[in-house]
Protein backbone atom coordinates (compact mmCIF):
# COMPACT_ATOMS: atom_id res chain seq x y z
CA UNK A 1 0.00 0.00 0.00
CA UNK A 2 1.28 3.46 -0.90
CA UNK A 3 2.14 5.42 2.23
CA UNK A 4 2.26 9.19 2.60
CA UNK A 5 5.06 10.42 4.87
CA UNK A 6 4.25 13.73 6.58
CA UNK A 7 6.89 13.52 9.30
CA UNK A 8 7.78 17.00 10.53
CA UNK A 9 4.57 18.56 9.18
CA UNK A 10 2.08 20.36 11.42
CA UNK A 11 -1.68 20.35 11.02
CA UNK A 12 -4.56 22.17 12.71
CA UNK A 13 -7.90 20.35 12.62
CA UNK A 14 -10.89 22.52 13.49
CA UNK A 15 -14.31 21.14 14.41
CA UNK A 16 -13.76 17.59 15.72
CA UNK A 17 -16.54 16.54 18.08
CA UNK A 18 -16.10 12.77 18.46
CA UNK A 19 -14.60 9.62 16.93
CA UNK A 20 -17.16 9.52 14.12
CA UNK A 21 -16.43 13.10 13.00
CA UNK A 22 -15.10 13.40 9.48
CA UNK A 23 -12.53 15.84 10.79
CA UNK A 24 -11.25 13.13 13.11
CA UNK A 25 -11.01 10.65 10.21
CA UNK A 26 -8.63 13.05 8.45
CA UNK A 27 -6.76 13.79 11.67
CA UNK A 28 -6.18 10.09 12.30
CA UNK A 29 -4.68 9.69 8.83
CA UNK A 30 -2.47 12.74 9.35
CA UNK A 31 -1.26 11.31 12.65
CA UNK A 32 -0.53 7.93 11.06
CA UNK A 33 1.50 9.73 8.40
CA UNK A 34 3.64 11.36 11.07
CA UNK A 35 2.21 14.88 11.28
CA UNK A 36 2.08 16.84 14.54
CA UNK A 37 -1.49 17.87 15.36
CA UNK A 38 -3.47 20.65 17.01
CA UNK A 39 -7.25 20.67 17.41
CA UNK A 40 -9.95 23.21 18.08
CA UNK A 41 -13.32 22.46 19.65
CA UNK A 42 -16.41 24.63 19.92
CA UNK A 43 -17.27 24.56 23.62
CA UNK A 44 -16.24 23.28 27.03
CA UNK A 45 -18.70 20.37 26.80
CA UNK A 46 -16.65 18.90 23.91
CA UNK A 47 -13.28 19.16 25.62
CA UNK A 48 -13.52 15.86 27.47
CA UNK A 49 -14.32 13.88 24.34
CA UNK A 50 -11.43 15.43 22.44
CA UNK A 51 -9.07 14.72 25.34
CA UNK A 52 -10.09 11.05 25.17
CA UNK A 53 -9.54 10.94 21.41
CA UNK A 54 -6.08 12.47 21.65
CA UNK A 55 -4.82 10.64 24.75
CA UNK A 56 -2.45 8.60 22.57
CA UNK A 57 -1.17 11.74 20.83
CA UNK A 58 0.83 13.34 23.65
CA UNK A 59 2.02 16.28 21.55
CA UNK A 60 -1.51 17.28 20.46
CA UNK A 61 -2.52 20.83 21.32
CA UNK A 62 -6.18 21.59 22.12
CA UNK A 63 -7.89 24.96 21.77
CA UNK A 64 -11.42 26.06 22.60
CA UNK A 65 -12.64 28.27 19.77
CA UNK A 66 -15.97 29.79 18.80
CA UNK A 67 -15.45 30.73 15.14
CA UNK A 68 -17.94 33.59 15.44
CA UNK A 69 -15.59 35.28 17.93
CA UNK A 70 -12.71 36.92 16.06
CA UNK A 71 -10.63 37.39 19.21
CA UNK A 72 -10.70 33.65 19.90
CA UNK A 73 -9.58 32.85 16.37
CA UNK A 74 -6.74 35.32 16.56
CA UNK A 75 -5.61 33.90 19.92
CA UNK A 76 -5.32 30.36 18.53
CA UNK A 77 -3.19 31.37 15.57
CA UNK A 78 -1.08 33.68 17.73
CA UNK A 79 -0.30 30.77 20.05
CA UNK A 80 0.50 28.44 17.14
CA UNK A 81 2.78 31.12 15.70
CA UNK A 82 4.67 31.10 19.00
CA UNK A 83 4.94 27.32 19.46
CA UNK A 84 5.07 26.11 15.84
CA UNK A 85 6.01 29.12 13.79
CA UNK A 86 4.34 27.69 10.69
CA UNK A 87 1.31 25.56 9.77
CA UNK A 88 1.49 23.06 6.94
CA UNK A 89 -2.08 21.78 6.86
CA UNK A 90 -5.47 23.00 8.02
CA UNK A 91 -8.72 21.03 8.14
CA UNK A 92 -11.99 22.99 8.35
CA UNK A 93 -14.71 20.63 9.62
CA UNK A 94 -17.16 23.21 10.92
CA UNK A 95 -20.84 23.50 10.02
CA UNK A 96 -24.09 24.28 11.80
CA UNK A 97 -27.68 25.25 11.08
CA UNK A 98 -30.55 25.38 13.59
CA UNK A 99 -32.62 22.21 13.36
CA UNK A 100 -35.84 24.14 12.84
CA UNK A 101 -34.35 25.59 9.64
CA UNK A 102 -33.99 22.07 8.25
CA UNK A 103 -37.32 20.59 9.26
CA UNK A 104 -39.76 22.80 7.38
CA UNK A 105 -39.78 24.48 3.98
CA UNK A 106 -36.71 26.32 2.78
CA UNK A 107 -38.88 29.33 1.90
CA UNK A 108 -39.70 29.74 5.58
CA UNK A 109 -36.06 30.09 6.68
CA UNK A 110 -35.76 33.00 9.08
CA UNK A 111 -33.19 35.74 8.67
CA UNK A 112 -31.50 34.76 11.95
CA UNK A 113 -31.23 31.08 10.97
CA UNK A 114 -29.86 32.06 7.55
CA UNK A 115 -27.19 34.28 9.08
CA UNK A 116 -26.23 31.62 11.64
CA UNK A 117 -25.87 28.87 9.04
CA UNK A 118 -23.89 30.97 6.58
CA UNK A 119 -21.65 32.55 9.20
CA UNK A 120 -20.64 29.32 10.92
CA UNK A 121 -20.64 26.97 7.93
CA UNK A 122 -19.16 29.20 5.21
CA UNK A 123 -17.76 32.50 6.44
CA UNK A 124 -15.71 30.69 9.08
CA UNK A 125 -13.58 29.21 6.29
CA UNK A 126 -12.72 32.69 5.05
CA UNK A 127 -11.94 33.96 8.55
CA UNK A 128 -9.76 30.96 9.35
CA UNK A 129 -7.87 31.18 6.04
CA UNK A 130 -7.13 34.84 6.71
CA UNK A 131 -5.67 34.07 10.13
CA UNK A 132 -3.72 31.05 8.86
CA UNK A 133 -2.22 32.70 5.79
CA UNK A 134 0.71 34.38 7.61
CA UNK A 135 1.67 31.02 9.14
CA UNK A 136 1.54 29.06 5.90
CA UNK A 137 4.70 28.12 4.08
CA UNK A 138 5.17 27.02 0.47
CA UNK A 139 3.22 23.80 0.00
CA UNK A 140 0.74 24.48 2.80
CA UNK A 141 -2.83 23.44 2.09
CA UNK A 142 -6.36 23.45 3.46
CA UNK A 143 -9.30 21.07 3.20
CA UNK A 144 -12.93 21.71 4.05
CA UNK A 145 -15.98 19.43 4.06
CA UNK A 146 -18.98 19.94 1.83
CA UNK A 147 -21.93 17.91 0.52
CA UNK A 148 -23.85 17.20 -2.71
CA UNK A 149 -26.69 19.48 -1.56
CA UNK A 150 -24.48 22.43 -2.52
CA UNK A 151 -25.47 21.88 -6.16
CA UNK A 152 -28.62 19.74 -6.12
CA UNK A 153 -31.77 19.93 -4.02
CA UNK A 154 -31.71 17.53 -1.08
CA UNK A 155 -35.03 17.84 0.77
CA UNK A 156 -34.66 18.79 4.44
CA UNK A 157 -31.08 19.98 3.95
CA UNK A 158 -32.48 23.45 3.21
CA UNK A 159 -30.33 26.39 4.33
CA UNK A 160 -27.36 24.12 4.94
CA UNK A 161 -27.32 23.35 1.22
CA UNK A 162 -27.10 27.07 0.52
CA UNK A 163 -24.31 27.37 3.09
CA UNK A 164 -22.40 24.56 1.38
CA UNK A 165 -22.81 26.34 -1.95
CA UNK A 166 -21.24 29.43 -0.41
CA UNK A 167 -18.51 27.25 1.08
CA UNK A 168 -17.62 25.73 -2.29
CA UNK A 169 -17.57 29.14 -3.97
CA UNK A 170 -15.30 30.37 -1.19
CA UNK A 171 -12.91 27.48 -1.88
CA UNK A 172 -12.55 28.69 -5.46
CA UNK A 173 -11.98 32.33 -4.52
CA UNK A 174 -9.57 31.40 -1.74
CA UNK A 175 -7.67 29.15 -4.15
CA UNK A 176 -7.17 32.19 -6.36
CA UNK A 177 -5.97 34.39 -3.49
CA UNK A 178 -3.76 31.80 -1.80
CA UNK A 179 -2.38 30.23 -4.95
CA UNK A 180 -0.18 33.22 -5.63
CA UNK A 181 1.88 32.17 -2.59
CA UNK A 182 1.88 28.47 -3.42
CA UNK A 183 -0.89 27.57 -0.95
CA UNK A 184 -3.74 25.23 -1.90
CA UNK A 185 -7.33 24.67 -0.75
CA UNK A 186 -9.88 22.03 -1.75
CA UNK A 187 -13.23 20.67 -0.60
CA UNK A 188 -14.10 17.04 0.12
CA UNK A 189 -17.70 16.25 -0.79
CA UNK A 190 -18.54 13.09 1.13
CA UNK A 191 -21.62 10.97 0.69
CA UNK A 192 -23.84 10.39 3.73
CA UNK A 193 -21.72 9.11 6.63
CA UNK A 194 -23.06 8.15 10.05
CA UNK A 195 -21.83 11.05 12.16
CA UNK A 196 -23.58 12.75 15.06
CA UNK A 197 -24.13 15.86 12.93
CA UNK A 198 -25.54 13.85 10.02
CA UNK A 199 -27.99 11.97 12.22
CA UNK A 200 -29.52 15.31 13.22
CA UNK A 201 -30.62 15.89 9.59
CA UNK A 202 -34.29 14.95 9.14
CA UNK A 203 -34.59 11.84 6.94
CA UNK A 204 -30.87 11.04 7.10
CA UNK A 205 -31.26 7.25 7.27
CA UNK A 206 -33.46 7.24 4.19
CA UNK A 207 -30.79 9.28 2.40
CA UNK A 208 -28.06 6.94 3.67
CA UNK A 209 -29.78 3.82 2.34
CA UNK A 210 -30.61 5.46 -0.98
CA UNK A 211 -26.95 6.12 -1.77
CA UNK A 212 -26.08 2.44 -1.44
CA UNK A 213 -29.00 1.48 -3.67
CA UNK A 214 -28.16 3.94 -6.47
CA UNK A 215 -24.39 4.52 -6.44
CA UNK A 216 -22.23 2.73 -9.03
CA UNK A 217 -20.20 1.05 -6.29
CA UNK A 218 -23.37 -0.16 -4.60
CA UNK A 219 -22.31 0.91 -1.13
CA UNK A 220 -22.05 3.85 1.22
CA UNK A 221 -18.76 5.51 2.05
CA UNK A 222 -17.33 5.67 5.55
CA UNK A 223 -14.88 7.63 7.66
CA UNK A 224 -11.95 5.67 6.21
CA UNK A 225 -12.82 6.79 2.68
CA UNK A 226 -13.07 10.41 3.75
CA UNK A 227 -9.85 10.30 5.75
CA UNK A 228 -7.91 8.86 2.83
CA UNK A 229 -9.11 11.55 0.43
CA UNK A 230 -8.54 14.33 2.95
CA UNK A 231 -4.93 13.44 3.66
CA UNK A 232 -4.23 12.96 -0.05
CA UNK A 233 -5.53 16.43 -0.89
CA UNK A 234 -3.49 17.99 1.90
CA UNK A 235 -0.31 16.16 0.97
CA UNK A 236 2.26 16.96 -1.75
CA UNK A 237 0.76 14.11 -3.79
CA UNK A 238 -2.06 16.53 -4.70
CA UNK A 239 0.36 19.40 -5.30
CA UNK A 240 -1.28 20.40 -8.59
CA UNK A 241 -4.87 20.36 -7.28
CA UNK A 242 -6.54 23.47 -5.85
CA UNK A 243 -9.94 25.13 -5.87
CA UNK A 244 -11.67 21.79 -6.44
CA UNK A 245 -14.60 19.97 -4.91
CA UNK A 246 -13.69 16.28 -4.95
CA UNK A 247 -16.42 13.72 -4.39
CA UNK A 248 -16.05 10.60 -2.27
CA UNK A 249 -19.58 9.19 -2.44
CA UNK A 250 -19.23 5.80 -4.18
CA UNK A 251 -20.08 7.60 -7.43
CA UNK A 252 -23.59 8.63 -6.38
CA UNK A 253 -23.24 12.16 -7.81
CA UNK A 254 -22.70 10.91 -11.37
CA UNK A 255 -26.12 9.24 -11.50
CA UNK A 256 -28.93 11.06 -13.27
CA UNK A 257 -31.62 8.39 -13.08
CA UNK A 258 -31.90 4.93 -11.58
CA UNK A 259 -34.04 2.59 -13.70
CA UNK A 260 -33.20 -0.53 -11.73
CA UNK A 261 -31.72 -3.72 -13.15
CA UNK A 262 -32.26 -4.62 -16.81
C-alpha cells in the first residue's frame, strides 16, 4: 500500500466533536503519516471527548474556539505562531444550522437562521484562512468538508445546502488568493456518513440507504474513505490540485436516473 510520509509537518484540525467526525477521520490519517497535530473544539462540553480521542497523541494541542468570535480565532493562531512558527495543513470541519431551519420548507427560513448557518458553515472558512495565511509556508494546504446538496436539491437539507454552496464558492476564490503564494485549498464532498451531525438531519437514514441502492459502487462511504481523500488532498501528492470539490460518495453524484436492473 502506498504510504504518505508527513513527518515534521504540522496540522490544525478545526471542528472535531467525536470519533465519528469526518474531521477526526482526516486527523487520524495525518497522525498515522507522522504529522504533529493541534485541534480546536467549539465549547467546554466537547473538551472531554477530544481529550479522550487524543490521549495517545501526547504532543496534540487543544484549543477552545468559537469561530464567530474573532478574538478567539486570533488567539489560537497567535499561540501556534509562537509554538510552531508555521502551519502546513489546516482542516476545516465546521458546520451548523438550527434544526428548525432544516425541518420545514426552505422558503420559511428566518433571517436569523440564515445568518447563523452561513456565518458558521461558510464565512468561518474565510476567517480561518485569513488568520492562517501568515503562518503558511510554500506547500501548505487546506481542506474543508462539503456535501452534494451544494449543487442539487436535497429535501430537508435546506439552508445548509445554501451554506455549502457558499462554502464551495469560497474554496474557489480562496484558491485564487492563496495560490499566488503556493498555498492550496480544496473541498471534500462526502456521501452520507453516520456522524452525530448527520444523524440530526431529518430523513438522514433514508438518504443513507438510498446512496447504497443507487451509487455505481453499490455501497455507502465511511470515515476511512473520507480520511484517505482528505490526507491525499493535503499532501504533496495533490500538489497540482486546488480550488476543487472532490467527491467521495461511491459515485452517487454521477447518476442522473436509476431505472433498476435490466
